[in-house]
Amino acid sequence: MIETEQTSPTATEIDRTIDRMEQFYRSVTGREAPPADTGYAPIPAEKDPAEYVEKQLGRLLQMLGATPAQAAEPAWRPPMSVKESDRQILIRIDLPGVSRDQVRVTTQGNVMTVSGVRPQSDDGELRLLWRERPSGPFRRAVWIPGGLGPSEPSAEMKAGVLEIRITREASDAAGPKAIRVS
């Protein structure tokens, strides 16, 4: 019995994307792309897809010669929740210890990015014994299904939680846009 492997459209698209990235690598560096350590594998179910893709992008930037500082790798990823109704999307991001002037919210197309910095606390002469509270730069990108509405999203910081409310309507604006945090 002969078994044939059928390729899903997703796998074909991924293979095309890999080919384009290898072409991009060759055009930027003038060298052949290094061999992949492993073949294509889907994102493991137990991993956060956004974090997984960011790590893969970081690997690509390293292959292209970018240092970690140039790749602007965030030091931490704040936890968030996303809720929706027929009329709006509510995004809550936990940012305790971050002032509103340290937060930047931008949109481009269907992607909203929240970034900023949580400063390291200065406790005088006290020595750090244990830390589970991250500090430094952070970034979260959220894909907004259906796009952003024509009205500007509202962003408000309440008790260390950033709340972003987005009206659910199709939008024609695809250029970058900054959103004021109040």
N, C-alpha and C. Protein backbone atom coordinates (compact mmCIF):
# COMPACT_ATOMS: atom_id res chain seq x y z
N MET A 1 0.84 -1.18 0.00
CA MET A 1 0.00 0.00 0.00
C MET A 1 0.88 1.24 0.00
N ILE A 2 0.62 2.15 -0.92
CA ILE A 2 1.40 3.38 -1.03
C ILE A 2 0.61 4.51 -0.39
N GLU A 3 1.28 5.22 0.52
CA GLU A 3 0.63 6.36 1.18
C GLU A 3 1.14 7.64 0.54
N THR A 4 0.24 8.54 0.30
CA THR A 4 0.63 9.84 -0.23
C THR A 4 0.37 10.89 0.84
N GLU A 5 1.29 11.82 0.94
CA GLU A 5 1.16 12.89 1.93
C GLU A 5 0.52 14.08 1.25
N GLN A 6 -0.60 14.52 1.79
CA GLN A 6 -1.26 15.69 1.23
C GLN A 6 -0.78 16.92 1.97
N THR A 7 -0.52 17.97 1.21
CA THR A 7 -0.05 19.21 1.80
C THR A 7 -1.22 20.16 1.97
N SER A 8 -1.38 20.66 3.16
CA SER A 8 -2.47 21.61 3.41
C SER A 8 -2.08 22.96 2.83
N PRO A 9 -3.08 23.81 2.52
CA PRO A 9 -2.77 25.14 2.00
C PRO A 9 -1.90 25.92 2.97
N THR A 10 -2.09 25.72 4.27
CA THR A 10 -1.30 26.44 5.25
C THR A 10 0.17 26.05 5.15
N ALA A 11 0.45 24.77 5.02
CA ALA A 11 1.84 24.32 4.90
C ALA A 11 2.46 24.86 3.63
N THR A 12 1.72 24.92 2.54
CA THR A 12 2.22 25.47 1.29
C THR A 12 2.55 26.96 1.44
N GLU A 13 1.67 27.69 2.12
CA GLU A 13 1.92 29.12 2.35
C GLU A 13 3.15 29.31 3.22
N ILE A 14 3.31 28.47 4.21
CA ILE A 14 4.48 28.57 5.09
C ILE A 14 5.75 28.29 4.30
N ASP A 15 5.72 27.27 3.44
CA ASP A 15 6.89 26.96 2.61
C ASP A 15 7.24 28.13 1.70
N ARG A 16 6.22 28.77 1.12
CA ARG A 16 6.47 29.95 0.27
C ARG A 16 7.08 31.08 1.09
N THR A 17 6.58 31.28 2.30
CA THR A 17 7.12 32.34 3.16
C THR A 17 8.56 32.05 3.52
N ILE A 18 8.87 30.79 3.82
CA ILE A 18 10.25 30.41 4.14
C ILE A 18 11.14 30.67 2.93
N ASP A 19 10.68 30.32 1.73
CA ASP A 19 11.46 30.58 0.51
C ASP A 19 11.72 32.07 0.33
N ARG A 20 10.69 32.89 0.57
CA ARG A 20 10.86 34.35 0.43
C ARG A 20 11.84 34.88 1.46
N MET A 21 11.79 34.35 2.70
CA MET A 21 12.72 34.81 3.73
C MET A 21 14.15 34.41 3.38
N GLU A 22 14.33 33.22 2.80
CA GLU A 22 15.66 32.81 2.38
C GLU A 22 16.17 33.71 1.26
N GLN A 23 15.29 34.08 0.32
CA GLN A 23 15.68 35.01 -0.74
C GLN A 23 16.06 36.37 -0.14
N PHE A 24 15.27 36.82 0.84
CA PHE A 24 15.56 38.08 1.51
C PHE A 24 16.92 38.01 2.19
N TYR A 25 17.21 36.91 2.87
CA TYR A 25 18.48 36.73 3.54
C TYR A 25 19.63 36.82 2.53
N ARG A 26 19.47 36.11 1.39
CA ARG A 26 20.51 36.13 0.36
C ARG A 26 20.73 37.55 -0.18
N SER A 27 19.62 38.29 -0.39
CA SER A 27 19.78 39.64 -0.95
C SER A 27 20.41 40.60 0.06
N VAL A 28 20.17 40.41 1.36
CA VAL A 28 20.74 41.30 2.36
C VAL A 28 22.18 40.95 2.66
N THR A 29 22.49 39.66 2.79
CA THR A 29 23.83 39.24 3.22
C THR A 29 24.74 38.83 2.07
N GLY A 30 24.15 38.46 0.93
CA GLY A 30 24.96 37.95 -0.17
C GLY A 30 25.40 36.52 0.04
N ARG A 31 24.90 35.86 1.07
CA ARG A 31 25.25 34.47 1.38
C ARG A 31 23.99 33.61 1.34
N GLU A 32 24.23 32.29 1.26
CA GLU A 32 23.12 31.36 1.34
C GLU A 32 22.60 31.33 2.77
N ALA A 33 21.33 31.11 2.92
CA ALA A 33 20.74 31.00 4.25
C ALA A 33 21.28 29.76 4.95
N PRO A 34 21.56 29.87 6.25
CA PRO A 34 22.04 28.69 6.96
C PRO A 34 20.97 27.61 6.98
N PRO A 35 21.38 26.35 7.04
CA PRO A 35 20.38 25.28 7.06
C PRO A 35 19.54 25.36 8.34
N ALA A 36 18.29 25.02 8.18
CA ALA A 36 17.38 25.04 9.33
C ALA A 36 17.73 23.89 10.26
N ASP A 37 17.64 24.14 11.56
CA ASP A 37 17.91 23.08 12.54
C ASP A 37 16.85 22.00 12.46
N THR A 38 15.62 22.43 12.22
CA THR A 38 14.52 21.48 12.13
C THR A 38 13.64 21.88 10.97
N GLY A 39 12.82 20.95 10.52
CA GLY A 39 11.85 21.26 9.48
C GLY A 39 10.70 22.04 10.06
N TYR A 40 9.78 22.39 9.23
CA TYR A 40 8.61 23.13 9.68
C TYR A 40 7.82 22.29 10.67
N ALA A 41 7.41 22.93 11.74
CA ALA A 41 6.53 22.29 12.71
C ALA A 41 5.50 23.33 13.14
N PRO A 42 4.27 22.92 13.32
CA PRO A 42 3.27 23.89 13.76
C PRO A 42 3.60 24.41 15.16
N ILE A 43 3.02 25.53 15.51
CA ILE A 43 3.24 26.10 16.83
C ILE A 43 2.67 25.12 17.85
N PRO A 44 3.49 24.70 18.80
CA PRO A 44 2.99 23.74 19.80
C PRO A 44 1.80 24.33 20.57
N ALA A 45 0.82 23.50 20.86
CA ALA A 45 -0.41 23.95 21.51
C ALA A 45 -0.15 24.56 22.88
N GLU A 46 0.89 24.11 23.57
CA GLU A 46 1.15 24.61 24.92
C GLU A 46 1.89 25.95 24.93
N LYS A 47 2.27 26.47 23.75
CA LYS A 47 3.02 27.73 23.68
C LYS A 47 2.11 28.87 23.29
N ASP A 48 2.47 30.06 23.77
CA ASP A 48 1.76 31.27 23.40
C ASP A 48 2.17 31.61 21.96
N PRO A 49 1.22 31.64 21.00
CA PRO A 49 1.59 31.87 19.60
C PRO A 49 2.35 33.17 19.37
N ALA A 50 1.94 34.26 20.03
CA ALA A 50 2.62 35.54 19.82
C ALA A 50 4.07 35.47 20.31
N GLU A 51 4.28 34.86 21.47
CA GLU A 51 5.63 34.74 22.02
C GLU A 51 6.48 33.84 21.12
N TYR A 52 5.90 32.75 20.63
CA TYR A 52 6.61 31.82 19.76
C TYR A 52 7.07 32.52 18.48
N VAL A 53 6.16 33.28 17.87
CA VAL A 53 6.49 33.99 16.62
C VAL A 53 7.56 35.04 16.90
N GLU A 54 7.46 35.76 18.03
CA GLU A 54 8.47 36.76 18.36
C GLU A 54 9.85 36.12 18.52
N LYS A 55 9.90 34.93 19.15
CA LYS A 55 11.19 34.25 19.31
C LYS A 55 11.74 33.84 17.94
N GLN A 56 10.87 33.36 17.05
CA GLN A 56 11.33 32.97 15.72
C GLN A 56 11.83 34.19 14.94
N LEU A 57 11.15 35.31 15.09
CA LEU A 57 11.59 36.55 14.44
C LEU A 57 12.95 36.97 15.00
N GLY A 58 13.13 36.83 16.31
CA GLY A 58 14.42 37.14 16.92
C GLY A 58 15.53 36.28 16.36
N ARG A 59 15.23 35.00 16.16
CA ARG A 59 16.21 34.10 15.53
C ARG A 59 16.57 34.57 14.13
N LEU A 60 15.56 34.99 13.37
CA LEU A 60 15.81 35.48 12.01
C LEU A 60 16.69 36.73 12.05
N LEU A 61 16.39 37.64 12.95
CA LEU A 61 17.20 38.87 13.04
C LEU A 61 18.63 38.54 13.45
N GLN A 62 18.81 37.56 14.33
CA GLN A 62 20.16 37.14 14.71
C GLN A 62 20.89 36.58 13.50
N MET A 63 20.20 35.77 12.68
CA MET A 63 20.83 35.21 11.47
C MET A 63 21.24 36.32 10.52
N LEU A 64 20.45 37.41 10.51
CA LEU A 64 20.77 38.53 9.63
C LEU A 64 21.84 39.43 10.22
N GLY A 65 22.29 39.11 11.42
CA GLY A 65 23.38 39.87 12.01
C GLY A 65 22.95 40.92 13.00
N ALA A 66 21.68 41.01 13.33
CA ALA A 66 21.23 42.00 14.30
C ALA A 66 21.58 41.51 15.70
N THR A 67 22.05 42.42 16.54
CA THR A 67 22.31 42.06 17.93
C THR A 67 21.00 42.10 18.69
N PRO A 68 20.92 41.50 19.85
CA PRO A 68 19.67 41.54 20.62
C PRO A 68 19.18 42.96 20.87
N ALA A 69 20.08 43.90 21.10
CA ALA A 69 19.66 45.29 21.32
C ALA A 69 19.03 45.85 20.05
N GLN A 70 19.59 45.52 18.90
CA GLN A 70 19.03 46.01 17.65
C GLN A 70 17.68 45.37 17.37
N ALA A 71 17.49 44.15 17.82
CA ALA A 71 16.23 43.46 17.60
C ALA A 71 15.13 43.98 18.51
N ALA A 72 15.49 44.83 19.49
CA ALA A 72 14.55 45.44 20.42
C ALA A 72 13.67 44.39 21.10
N GLU A 73 14.31 43.37 21.60
CA GLU A 73 13.60 42.31 22.31
C GLU A 73 13.09 42.86 23.63
N PRO A 74 11.79 42.75 23.88
CA PRO A 74 11.29 43.25 25.15
C PRO A 74 11.79 42.39 26.31
N ALA A 75 11.98 43.02 27.47
CA ALA A 75 12.45 42.30 28.65
C ALA A 75 11.35 41.44 29.24
N TRP A 76 10.09 41.84 29.05
CA TRP A 76 8.98 41.09 29.62
C TRP A 76 7.71 41.35 28.84
N ARG A 77 6.71 40.49 29.05
CA ARG A 77 5.43 40.60 28.38
C ARG A 77 4.35 40.67 29.45
N PRO A 78 3.70 41.83 29.58
CA PRO A 78 2.66 41.94 30.61
C PRO A 78 1.47 41.06 30.30
N PRO A 79 0.83 40.49 31.33
CA PRO A 79 -0.36 39.66 31.10
C PRO A 79 -1.52 40.52 30.62
N MET A 80 -2.37 39.93 29.79
CA MET A 80 -3.51 40.68 29.27
C MET A 80 -4.71 39.77 29.12
N SER A 81 -5.86 40.41 29.01
CA SER A 81 -7.09 39.70 28.69
C SER A 81 -7.78 40.48 27.59
N VAL A 82 -8.49 39.76 26.73
CA VAL A 82 -9.24 40.39 25.63
C VAL A 82 -10.66 39.86 25.70
N LYS A 83 -11.61 40.78 25.74
CA LYS A 83 -13.03 40.42 25.75
C LYS A 83 -13.69 41.12 24.58
N GLU A 84 -14.80 40.54 24.11
CA GLU A 84 -15.49 41.16 22.98
C GLU A 84 -16.99 41.01 23.10
N SER A 85 -17.67 41.92 22.42
CA SER A 85 -19.11 41.82 22.22
C SER A 85 -19.33 42.14 20.74
N ASP A 86 -20.58 42.21 20.33
CA ASP A 86 -20.85 42.56 18.94
C ASP A 86 -20.43 43.98 18.62
N ARG A 87 -20.34 44.84 19.64
CA ARG A 87 -20.09 46.26 19.40
C ARG A 87 -18.72 46.74 19.81
N GLN A 88 -18.02 46.01 20.68
CA GLN A 88 -16.71 46.51 21.11
C GLN A 88 -15.77 45.39 21.53
N ILE A 89 -14.49 45.73 21.59
CA ILE A 89 -13.45 44.85 22.09
C ILE A 89 -12.82 45.56 23.27
N LEU A 90 -12.61 44.84 24.36
CA LEU A 90 -11.99 45.40 25.56
C LEU A 90 -10.70 44.63 25.82
N ILE A 91 -9.60 45.37 25.86
CA ILE A 91 -8.29 44.77 26.14
C ILE A 91 -7.82 45.33 27.47
N ARG A 92 -7.44 44.46 28.39
CA ARG A 92 -6.89 44.88 29.67
C ARG A 92 -5.49 44.30 29.79
N ILE A 93 -4.53 45.19 30.09
CA ILE A 93 -3.14 44.78 30.23
C ILE A 93 -2.66 45.22 31.62
N ASP A 94 -2.15 44.27 32.39
CA ASP A 94 -1.67 44.56 33.74
C ASP A 94 -0.30 45.23 33.67
N LEU A 95 -0.25 46.48 34.14
CA LEU A 95 0.99 47.25 34.12
C LEU A 95 1.26 47.93 35.47
N PRO A 96 1.23 47.19 36.58
CA PRO A 96 1.49 47.84 37.86
C PRO A 96 2.89 48.43 37.89
N GLY A 97 2.99 49.61 38.47
CA GLY A 97 4.29 50.28 38.57
C GLY A 97 4.70 51.03 37.32
N VAL A 98 3.83 51.06 36.30
CA VAL A 98 4.13 51.78 35.06
C VAL A 98 3.22 53.00 35.01
N SER A 99 3.82 54.17 34.86
CA SER A 99 3.01 55.39 34.75
C SER A 99 2.51 55.54 33.32
N ARG A 100 1.41 56.27 33.17
CA ARG A 100 0.80 56.40 31.84
C ARG A 100 1.73 57.06 30.84
N ASP A 101 2.66 57.91 31.30
CA ASP A 101 3.58 58.54 30.35
C ASP A 101 4.68 57.58 29.89
N GLN A 102 4.76 56.38 30.49
CA GLN A 102 5.72 55.36 30.07
C GLN A 102 5.09 54.35 29.11
N VAL A 103 3.81 54.55 28.75
CA VAL A 103 3.08 53.61 27.91
C VAL A 103 2.81 54.24 26.54
N ARG A 104 3.01 53.45 25.50
CA ARG A 104 2.74 53.91 24.14
C ARG A 104 1.81 52.89 23.47
N VAL A 105 0.68 53.39 22.95
CA VAL A 105 -0.27 52.53 22.25
C VAL A 105 -0.35 53.01 20.81
N THR A 106 -0.08 52.13 19.86
CA THR A 106 -0.14 52.49 18.44
C THR A 106 -0.94 51.44 17.69
N THR A 107 -1.49 51.85 16.56
CA THR A 107 -2.19 50.90 15.69
C THR A 107 -1.67 51.05 14.28
N GLN A 108 -1.70 49.96 13.57
CA GLN A 108 -1.40 49.98 12.14
C GLN A 108 -2.16 48.81 11.53
N GLY A 109 -3.10 49.15 10.65
CA GLY A 109 -3.94 48.11 10.07
C GLY A 109 -4.75 47.45 11.15
N ASN A 110 -4.68 46.13 11.24
CA ASN A 110 -5.43 45.37 12.24
C ASN A 110 -4.62 45.06 13.49
N VAL A 111 -3.46 45.66 13.64
CA VAL A 111 -2.59 45.34 14.77
C VAL A 111 -2.46 46.54 15.71
N MET A 112 -2.70 46.29 16.99
CA MET A 112 -2.49 47.31 18.02
C MET A 112 -1.30 46.86 18.85
N THR A 113 -0.36 47.77 19.07
CA THR A 113 0.84 47.46 19.85
C THR A 113 0.89 48.34 21.08
N VAL A 114 1.10 47.72 22.22
CA VAL A 114 1.27 48.43 23.49
C VAL A 114 2.72 48.19 23.92
N SER A 115 3.46 49.27 24.13
CA SER A 115 4.86 49.13 24.53
C SER A 115 5.19 50.20 25.56
N GLY A 116 6.31 50.02 26.21
CA GLY A 116 6.75 50.98 27.21
C GLY A 116 7.85 50.41 28.06
N VAL A 117 8.04 51.02 29.24
CA VAL A 117 9.10 50.63 30.14
C VAL A 117 8.59 50.66 31.57
N ARG A 118 8.89 49.61 32.33
CA ARG A 118 8.66 49.65 33.77
C ARG A 118 10.02 49.87 34.40
N PRO A 119 10.19 51.00 35.10
CA PRO A 119 11.50 51.29 35.70
C PRO A 119 11.82 50.32 36.83
N GLN A 120 13.11 50.10 37.03
CA GLN A 120 13.54 49.27 38.15
C GLN A 120 13.44 50.11 39.41
N SER A 121 12.92 49.53 40.48
CA SER A 121 12.76 50.30 41.71
C SER A 121 14.11 50.49 42.39
N ASP A 122 14.31 51.70 42.93
CA ASP A 122 15.53 52.02 43.66
C ASP A 122 15.18 52.00 45.14
N ASP A 123 15.64 50.99 45.83
CA ASP A 123 15.32 50.83 47.24
C ASP A 123 16.50 51.18 48.13
N GLY A 124 17.31 52.12 47.69
CA GLY A 124 18.43 52.58 48.51
C GLY A 124 19.48 51.52 48.71
N GLU A 125 19.79 51.23 49.98
CA GLU A 125 20.86 50.30 50.32
C GLU A 125 20.41 48.85 50.38
N LEU A 126 19.15 48.58 50.14
CA LEU A 126 18.64 47.21 50.23
C LEU A 126 19.17 46.35 49.09
N ARG A 127 19.58 45.12 49.43
CA ARG A 127 20.06 44.16 48.44
C ARG A 127 18.89 43.34 47.94
N LEU A 128 18.88 43.04 46.68
CA LEU A 128 17.84 42.21 46.09
C LEU A 128 18.11 40.75 46.44
N LEU A 129 17.13 40.09 47.04
CA LEU A 129 17.26 38.67 47.36
C LEU A 129 16.45 37.81 46.41
N TRP A 130 15.32 38.32 45.96
CA TRP A 130 14.43 37.55 45.10
C TRP A 130 13.62 38.52 44.27
N ARG A 131 13.43 38.20 43.00
CA ARG A 131 12.60 39.07 42.18
C ARG A 131 11.80 38.22 41.20
N GLU A 132 10.50 38.40 41.23
CA GLU A 132 9.61 37.79 40.25
C GLU A 132 8.91 38.88 39.45
N ARG A 133 9.15 40.11 39.80
CA ARG A 133 8.53 41.26 39.17
C ARG A 133 9.48 41.81 38.11
N PRO A 134 9.16 41.64 36.84
CA PRO A 134 10.08 42.09 35.79
C PRO A 134 10.09 43.61 35.67
N SER A 135 11.19 44.11 35.13
CA SER A 135 11.30 45.54 34.84
C SER A 135 11.98 45.68 33.48
N GLY A 136 11.98 46.90 32.97
CA GLY A 136 12.58 47.16 31.67
C GLY A 136 11.51 47.29 30.59
N PRO A 137 11.93 47.23 29.32
CA PRO A 137 10.97 47.42 28.22
C PRO A 137 10.00 46.25 28.09
N PHE A 138 8.78 46.56 27.67
CA PHE A 138 7.77 45.53 27.41
C PHE A 138 7.07 45.86 26.10
N ARG A 139 6.43 44.82 25.53
CA ARG A 139 5.66 45.02 24.30
C ARG A 139 4.65 43.90 24.17
N ARG A 140 3.43 44.28 23.76
CA ARG A 140 2.38 43.32 23.42
C ARG A 140 1.75 43.79 22.13
N ALA A 141 1.57 42.90 21.20
CA ALA A 141 0.88 43.20 19.95
C ALA A 141 -0.39 42.36 19.92
N VAL A 142 -1.49 43.00 19.54
CA VAL A 142 -2.79 42.33 19.51
C VAL A 142 -3.38 42.51 18.12
N TRP A 143 -3.76 41.40 17.50
CA TRP A 143 -4.44 41.46 16.22
C TRP A 143 -5.92 41.69 16.49
N ILE A 144 -6.49 42.71 15.84
CA ILE A 144 -7.88 43.06 16.04
C ILE A 144 -8.69 42.49 14.87
N PRO A 145 -9.46 41.43 15.10
CA PRO A 145 -10.24 40.85 14.00
C PRO A 145 -11.27 41.85 13.49
N GLY A 146 -11.37 41.96 12.20
CA GLY A 146 -12.33 42.89 11.60
C GLY A 146 -11.82 44.32 11.52
N GLY A 147 -10.64 44.58 12.05
CA GLY A 147 -10.06 45.91 11.97
C GLY A 147 -10.59 46.85 13.03
N LEU A 148 -10.05 48.05 13.02
CA LEU A 148 -10.44 49.08 13.98
C LEU A 148 -11.55 49.93 13.39
N GLY A 149 -12.43 50.39 14.23
CA GLY A 149 -13.54 51.25 13.79
C GLY A 149 -13.03 52.63 13.43
N PRO A 150 -13.91 53.45 12.80
CA PRO A 150 -13.50 54.79 12.40
C PRO A 150 -13.26 55.70 13.61
N SER A 151 -13.90 55.40 14.74
CA SER A 151 -13.66 56.22 15.93
C SER A 151 -12.38 55.74 16.60
N GLU A 152 -11.66 56.67 17.21
CA GLU A 152 -10.40 56.36 17.85
C GLU A 152 -10.63 55.48 19.07
N PRO A 153 -9.83 54.42 19.24
CA PRO A 153 -9.94 53.61 20.46
C PRO A 153 -9.65 54.46 21.69
N SER A 154 -10.26 54.13 22.81
CA SER A 154 -9.95 54.86 24.04
C SER A 154 -9.03 54.01 24.89
N ALA A 155 -8.06 54.65 25.52
CA ALA A 155 -7.11 53.96 26.38
C ALA A 155 -7.05 54.72 27.70
N GLU A 156 -7.22 53.97 28.80
CA GLU A 156 -7.23 54.59 30.12
C GLU A 156 -6.49 53.69 31.10
N MET A 157 -5.66 54.32 31.94
CA MET A 157 -4.92 53.59 32.96
C MET A 157 -5.68 53.73 34.28
N LYS A 158 -6.07 52.57 34.88
CA LYS A 158 -6.79 52.55 36.15
C LYS A 158 -6.11 51.57 37.08
N ALA A 159 -5.59 52.05 38.19
CA ALA A 159 -4.99 51.19 39.22
C ALA A 159 -4.01 50.16 38.65
N GLY A 160 -3.14 50.61 37.76
CA GLY A 160 -2.12 49.72 37.21
C GLY A 160 -2.59 48.81 36.10
N VAL A 161 -3.83 49.03 35.60
CA VAL A 161 -4.35 48.23 34.50
C VAL A 161 -4.70 49.17 33.35
N LEU A 162 -4.12 48.90 32.18
CA LEU A 162 -4.44 49.67 30.98
C LEU A 162 -5.67 49.05 30.34
N GLU A 163 -6.72 49.87 30.16
CA GLU A 163 -7.94 49.40 29.50
C GLU A 163 -8.05 50.10 28.15
N ILE A 164 -8.18 49.32 27.10
CA ILE A 164 -8.34 49.85 25.75
C ILE A 164 -9.67 49.36 25.23
N ARG A 165 -10.51 50.29 24.81
CA ARG A 165 -11.82 49.95 24.24
C ARG A 165 -11.82 50.32 22.77
N ILE A 166 -12.24 49.35 21.96
CA ILE A 166 -12.24 49.52 20.50
C ILE A 166 -13.65 49.27 19.99
N THR A 167 -14.16 50.20 19.19
CA THR A 167 -15.47 50.00 18.55
C THR A 167 -15.30 49.03 17.41
N ARG A 168 -16.23 48.10 17.27
CA ARG A 168 -16.15 47.08 16.22
C ARG A 168 -16.83 47.57 14.96
N GLU A 169 -16.06 48.07 14.05
CA GLU A 169 -16.54 48.48 12.73
C GLU A 169 -15.36 48.37 11.79
N ALA A 170 -15.64 48.14 10.53
CA ALA A 170 -14.56 48.09 9.54
C ALA A 170 -13.96 49.47 9.39
N SER A 171 -12.67 49.52 9.11
CA SER A 171 -11.96 50.79 8.98
C SER A 171 -11.21 50.83 7.66
N ASP A 172 -11.13 52.04 7.10
CA ASP A 172 -10.36 52.22 5.87
C ASP A 172 -8.93 52.66 6.18
N ALA A 173 -8.67 53.14 7.40
CA ALA A 173 -7.36 53.67 7.76
C ALA A 173 -6.39 52.52 8.03
N ALA A 174 -5.29 52.49 7.26
CA ALA A 174 -4.30 51.43 7.45
C ALA A 174 -2.97 51.99 7.91
N GLY A 175 -2.81 53.31 7.95
CA GLY A 175 -1.54 53.92 8.36
C GLY A 175 -1.36 53.86 9.86
N PRO A 176 -0.11 54.08 10.34
CA PRO A 176 0.14 54.07 11.77
C PRO A 176 -0.62 55.18 12.49
N LYS A 177 -1.01 54.92 13.72
CA LYS A 177 -1.79 55.89 14.47
C LYS A 177 -1.45 55.73 15.94
N ALA A 178 -1.18 56.83 16.63
CA ALA A 178 -0.90 56.80 18.06
C ALA A 178 -2.19 57.07 18.83
N ILE A 179 -2.35 56.42 19.97
CA ILE A 179 -3.55 56.57 20.79
C ILE A 179 -3.13 57.15 22.13
N ARG A 180 -3.81 58.19 22.58
CA ARG A 180 -3.49 58.85 23.84
C ARG A 180 -4.00 58.02 25.01
N VAL A 181 -3.13 57.83 26.01
CA VAL A 181 -3.52 57.12 27.22
C VAL A 181 -3.87 58.16 28.27
N SER A 182 -5.10 58.09 28.80
CA SER A 182 -5.51 59.08 29.81
C SER A 182 -5.54 58.48 31.18
